[in-house]
N, C-alpha and C. Protein backbone atom coordinates (compact mmCIF):
# COMPACT_ATOMS: atom_id res chain seq x y z
N MET A 1 123.55 60.00 147.64
CA MET A 1 122.25 60.64 147.66
C MET A 1 122.17 61.59 146.48
N ASN A 2 121.05 61.58 145.78
CA ASN A 2 120.90 62.52 144.69
C ASN A 2 119.74 63.47 144.98
N GLU A 3 119.52 64.40 144.07
CA GLU A 3 118.51 65.45 144.28
C GLU A 3 117.11 64.87 144.49
N LYS A 4 116.80 63.70 143.88
CA LYS A 4 115.47 63.12 144.03
C LYS A 4 115.26 62.51 145.41
N ASP A 5 116.34 62.32 146.17
CA ASP A 5 116.22 61.70 147.49
C ASP A 5 115.74 62.66 148.56
N THR A 6 115.82 63.95 148.31
CA THR A 6 115.40 64.92 149.31
C THR A 6 114.44 65.94 148.69
N ALA A 7 113.59 66.46 149.51
CA ALA A 7 112.66 67.50 149.08
C ALA A 7 112.40 68.41 150.25
N GLN A 8 112.07 69.64 149.94
CA GLN A 8 111.73 70.60 150.99
C GLN A 8 110.27 70.96 150.84
N PHE A 9 109.58 71.01 151.97
CA PHE A 9 108.18 71.37 151.99
C PHE A 9 107.98 72.46 153.03
N SER A 10 107.08 73.37 152.72
CA SER A 10 106.71 74.37 153.72
C SER A 10 105.76 73.72 154.71
N ALA A 11 105.56 74.36 155.84
CA ALA A 11 104.62 73.84 156.83
C ALA A 11 103.22 73.74 156.24
N ASP A 12 102.83 74.71 155.43
CA ASP A 12 101.50 74.69 154.80
C ASP A 12 101.38 73.52 153.83
N GLU A 13 102.44 73.24 153.07
CA GLU A 13 102.41 72.11 152.15
C GLU A 13 102.27 70.79 152.90
N LEU A 14 102.99 70.65 154.01
CA LEU A 14 102.89 69.42 154.80
C LEU A 14 101.50 69.27 155.41
N LYS A 15 100.91 70.38 155.87
CA LYS A 15 99.55 70.32 156.43
C LYS A 15 98.55 69.91 155.35
N ALA A 16 98.73 70.44 154.13
CA ALA A 16 97.83 70.08 153.03
C ALA A 16 97.98 68.60 152.67
N LEU A 17 99.19 68.10 152.65
CA LEU A 17 99.42 66.68 152.39
C LEU A 17 98.72 65.83 153.44
N ARG A 18 98.92 66.19 154.70
CA ARG A 18 98.31 65.43 155.80
C ARG A 18 96.79 65.46 155.69
N ALA A 19 96.22 66.62 155.34
CA ALA A 19 94.77 66.74 155.22
C ALA A 19 94.22 65.83 154.12
N ARG A 20 95.02 65.61 153.07
CA ARG A 20 94.62 64.71 151.97
C ARG A 20 94.92 63.25 152.28
N GLY A 21 95.55 63.00 153.43
CA GLY A 21 95.91 61.63 153.78
C GLY A 21 97.18 61.17 153.08
N ALA A 22 97.90 62.11 152.49
CA ALA A 22 99.13 61.79 151.77
C ALA A 22 100.32 61.97 152.70
N THR A 23 101.48 61.60 152.21
CA THR A 23 102.70 61.72 152.99
C THR A 23 103.79 62.33 152.12
N ALA A 24 104.77 62.94 152.75
CA ALA A 24 105.89 63.50 152.02
C ALA A 24 106.96 62.44 151.77
N THR A 25 106.78 61.25 152.32
CA THR A 25 107.74 60.17 152.15
C THR A 25 107.49 59.49 150.81
N ARG A 26 108.57 59.23 150.07
CA ARG A 26 108.44 58.53 148.79
C ARG A 26 107.89 57.13 149.01
N ALA A 27 107.07 56.67 148.09
CA ALA A 27 106.48 55.34 148.19
C ALA A 27 107.54 54.24 148.19
N ASP A 28 108.66 54.48 147.51
CA ASP A 28 109.70 53.45 147.42
C ASP A 28 110.80 53.64 148.47
N ALA A 29 110.56 54.51 149.44
CA ALA A 29 111.56 54.73 150.49
C ALA A 29 111.69 53.47 151.33
N PRO A 30 112.94 53.04 151.59
CA PRO A 30 113.11 51.82 152.38
C PRO A 30 112.70 52.04 153.83
N GLU A 31 112.11 51.00 154.42
CA GLU A 31 111.77 51.06 155.84
C GLU A 31 112.96 50.56 156.64
N ARG A 32 113.23 51.22 157.72
CA ARG A 32 114.33 50.80 158.58
C ARG A 32 113.79 50.60 159.98
N ALA A 33 114.00 49.42 160.48
CA ALA A 33 113.54 49.11 161.83
C ALA A 33 114.45 49.79 162.84
N VAL A 34 113.86 50.29 163.91
CA VAL A 34 114.62 50.89 164.98
C VAL A 34 114.54 49.95 166.17
N GLU A 35 115.69 49.49 166.59
CA GLU A 35 115.74 48.55 167.71
C GLU A 35 115.33 49.23 169.01
N PRO A 36 114.67 48.49 169.90
CA PRO A 36 114.27 49.08 171.20
C PRO A 36 115.46 49.64 171.98
N GLU A 37 116.63 49.05 171.82
CA GLU A 37 117.83 49.55 172.52
C GLU A 37 118.12 50.99 172.15
N PHE A 38 117.83 51.36 170.90
CA PHE A 38 118.05 52.74 170.47
C PHE A 38 117.27 53.70 171.36
N TRP A 39 116.00 53.39 171.61
CA TRP A 39 115.15 54.28 172.39
C TRP A 39 115.55 54.31 173.86
N ARG A 40 116.14 53.22 174.36
CA ARG A 40 116.57 53.20 175.76
C ARG A 40 117.77 54.13 175.98
N THR A 41 118.59 54.29 174.96
CA THR A 41 119.79 55.10 175.12
C THR A 41 119.72 56.45 174.40
N ALA A 42 118.61 56.69 173.68
CA ALA A 42 118.47 57.93 172.93
C ALA A 42 118.37 59.12 173.88
N ARG A 43 118.90 60.24 173.44
CA ARG A 43 118.77 61.46 174.23
C ARG A 43 118.57 62.63 173.30
N VAL A 44 117.86 63.62 173.75
CA VAL A 44 117.63 64.83 172.97
C VAL A 44 118.87 65.71 173.09
N VAL A 45 119.38 66.15 171.96
CA VAL A 45 120.53 67.05 171.96
C VAL A 45 120.08 68.36 171.32
N LEU A 46 119.98 69.38 172.13
CA LEU A 46 119.57 70.69 171.64
C LEU A 46 120.80 71.45 171.16
N PRO A 47 120.65 72.22 170.10
CA PRO A 47 121.80 73.00 169.64
C PRO A 47 122.19 74.04 170.67
N GLY A 48 123.46 74.31 170.74
CA GLY A 48 123.95 75.31 171.67
C GLY A 48 123.65 76.71 171.17
N PRO A 49 123.97 77.69 171.98
CA PRO A 49 123.72 79.07 171.55
C PRO A 49 124.62 79.44 170.38
N LYS A 50 124.15 80.33 169.57
CA LYS A 50 124.90 80.80 168.41
C LYS A 50 125.50 82.17 168.74
N THR A 51 126.58 82.48 168.06
CA THR A 51 127.22 83.78 168.18
C THR A 51 127.01 84.53 166.89
N SER A 52 126.48 85.72 166.97
CA SER A 52 126.27 86.54 165.78
C SER A 52 127.58 87.24 165.44
N ILE A 53 128.01 87.08 164.19
CA ILE A 53 129.26 87.70 163.74
C ILE A 53 129.07 88.32 162.36
N HIS A 54 129.99 89.11 161.97
CA HIS A 54 130.06 89.62 160.61
C HIS A 54 131.20 88.86 159.95
N LEU A 55 130.89 88.13 158.88
CA LEU A 55 131.87 87.28 158.23
C LEU A 55 131.92 87.63 156.75
N ARG A 56 133.11 87.88 156.27
CA ARG A 56 133.27 88.16 154.85
C ARG A 56 133.67 86.88 154.13
N VAL A 57 132.88 86.49 153.14
CA VAL A 57 133.19 85.31 152.34
C VAL A 57 133.18 85.73 150.87
N ASP A 58 133.81 84.90 150.05
CA ASP A 58 133.81 85.18 148.62
C ASP A 58 132.38 85.15 148.09
N THR A 59 132.08 86.06 147.18
CA THR A 59 130.73 86.18 146.63
C THR A 59 130.26 84.88 146.01
N ASP A 60 131.12 84.21 145.25
CA ASP A 60 130.69 82.98 144.59
C ASP A 60 130.37 81.88 145.59
N VAL A 61 131.09 81.84 146.70
CA VAL A 61 130.82 80.85 147.74
C VAL A 61 129.44 81.13 148.35
N PHE A 62 129.20 82.38 148.72
CA PHE A 62 127.91 82.73 149.32
C PHE A 62 126.77 82.47 148.35
N GLU A 63 126.92 82.86 147.10
CA GLU A 63 125.87 82.66 146.09
C GLU A 63 125.58 81.18 145.88
N TRP A 64 126.63 80.35 145.92
CA TRP A 64 126.45 78.90 145.75
C TRP A 64 125.56 78.35 146.86
N PHE A 65 125.84 78.72 148.10
CA PHE A 65 125.02 78.26 149.21
C PHE A 65 123.61 78.83 149.12
N ARG A 66 123.49 80.11 148.83
CA ARG A 66 122.19 80.77 148.77
C ARG A 66 121.32 80.20 147.65
N ALA A 67 121.95 79.80 146.55
CA ALA A 67 121.20 79.24 145.41
C ALA A 67 120.53 77.92 145.77
N ARG A 68 120.97 77.29 146.83
CA ARG A 68 120.40 76.02 147.25
C ARG A 68 119.20 76.19 148.18
N GLY A 69 118.78 77.42 148.39
CA GLY A 69 117.53 77.68 149.09
C GLY A 69 117.65 78.06 150.54
N LYS A 70 116.48 78.13 151.16
CA LYS A 70 116.37 78.55 152.55
C LYS A 70 117.24 77.66 153.43
N GLY A 71 117.88 78.27 154.41
CA GLY A 71 118.74 77.52 155.31
C GLY A 71 120.20 77.56 154.91
N HIS A 72 120.53 78.44 153.98
CA HIS A 72 121.92 78.48 153.48
C HIS A 72 122.92 78.85 154.58
N LEU A 73 122.54 79.71 155.51
CA LEU A 73 123.46 80.05 156.59
C LEU A 73 123.67 78.87 157.53
N SER A 74 122.61 78.11 157.77
CA SER A 74 122.74 76.91 158.60
C SER A 74 123.64 75.88 157.92
N ARG A 75 123.50 75.75 156.60
CA ARG A 75 124.37 74.82 155.86
C ARG A 75 125.82 75.27 155.91
N MET A 76 126.05 76.57 155.79
CA MET A 76 127.42 77.07 155.89
C MET A 76 127.99 76.75 157.27
N ASN A 77 127.18 76.92 158.31
CA ASN A 77 127.61 76.58 159.66
C ASN A 77 127.93 75.09 159.76
N ALA A 78 127.10 74.24 159.13
CA ALA A 78 127.33 72.79 159.18
C ALA A 78 128.65 72.42 158.51
N VAL A 79 128.98 73.09 157.41
CA VAL A 79 130.25 72.83 156.73
C VAL A 79 131.42 73.24 157.63
N LEU A 80 131.30 74.40 158.26
CA LEU A 80 132.36 74.84 159.17
C LEU A 80 132.49 73.90 160.36
N ARG A 81 131.36 73.41 160.87
CA ARG A 81 131.40 72.46 161.99
C ARG A 81 132.09 71.17 161.57
N SER A 82 131.76 70.66 160.40
CA SER A 82 132.39 69.43 159.90
C SER A 82 133.90 69.60 159.79
N TYR A 83 134.31 70.74 159.26
CA TYR A 83 135.75 71.03 159.14
C TYR A 83 136.40 71.07 160.52
N MET A 84 135.75 71.76 161.45
CA MET A 84 136.28 71.87 162.81
C MET A 84 136.41 70.49 163.46
N GLU A 85 135.35 69.68 163.35
CA GLU A 85 135.39 68.36 163.98
C GLU A 85 136.42 67.46 163.33
N ALA A 86 136.58 67.55 162.02
CA ALA A 86 137.59 66.73 161.35
C ALA A 86 138.99 67.10 161.79
N HIS A 87 139.21 68.39 162.03
CA HIS A 87 140.55 68.84 162.41
C HIS A 87 140.78 68.82 163.93
N SER A 88 139.71 68.62 164.69
CA SER A 88 139.87 68.51 166.14
C SER A 88 140.45 67.16 166.52
N ARG A 89 140.39 66.21 165.61
CA ARG A 89 140.92 64.87 165.90
C ARG A 89 142.44 64.82 165.76
N ASP A 90 143.02 65.88 165.22
CA ASP A 90 144.48 65.89 165.00
C ASP A 90 145.24 65.89 166.30
């Protein structure tokens, strides 16, 4: 995946697109069929509660995440979760 494959839109931008009859999906985005079996077994998974902590990280690490925009703390959490899940299999 490269930078052109993803975009971030504010709620107002998405509403404006919808009002113009436009979409945020790229015209060349591939369509993927979803089999009916998927919907029979699909379930909603809500995120669990979060714990508020004070965490000291290296400045360059924090700045790298923050430079990528809104949601940097959630992305940091996702990286930590991936590490945890990868090492939980040991």
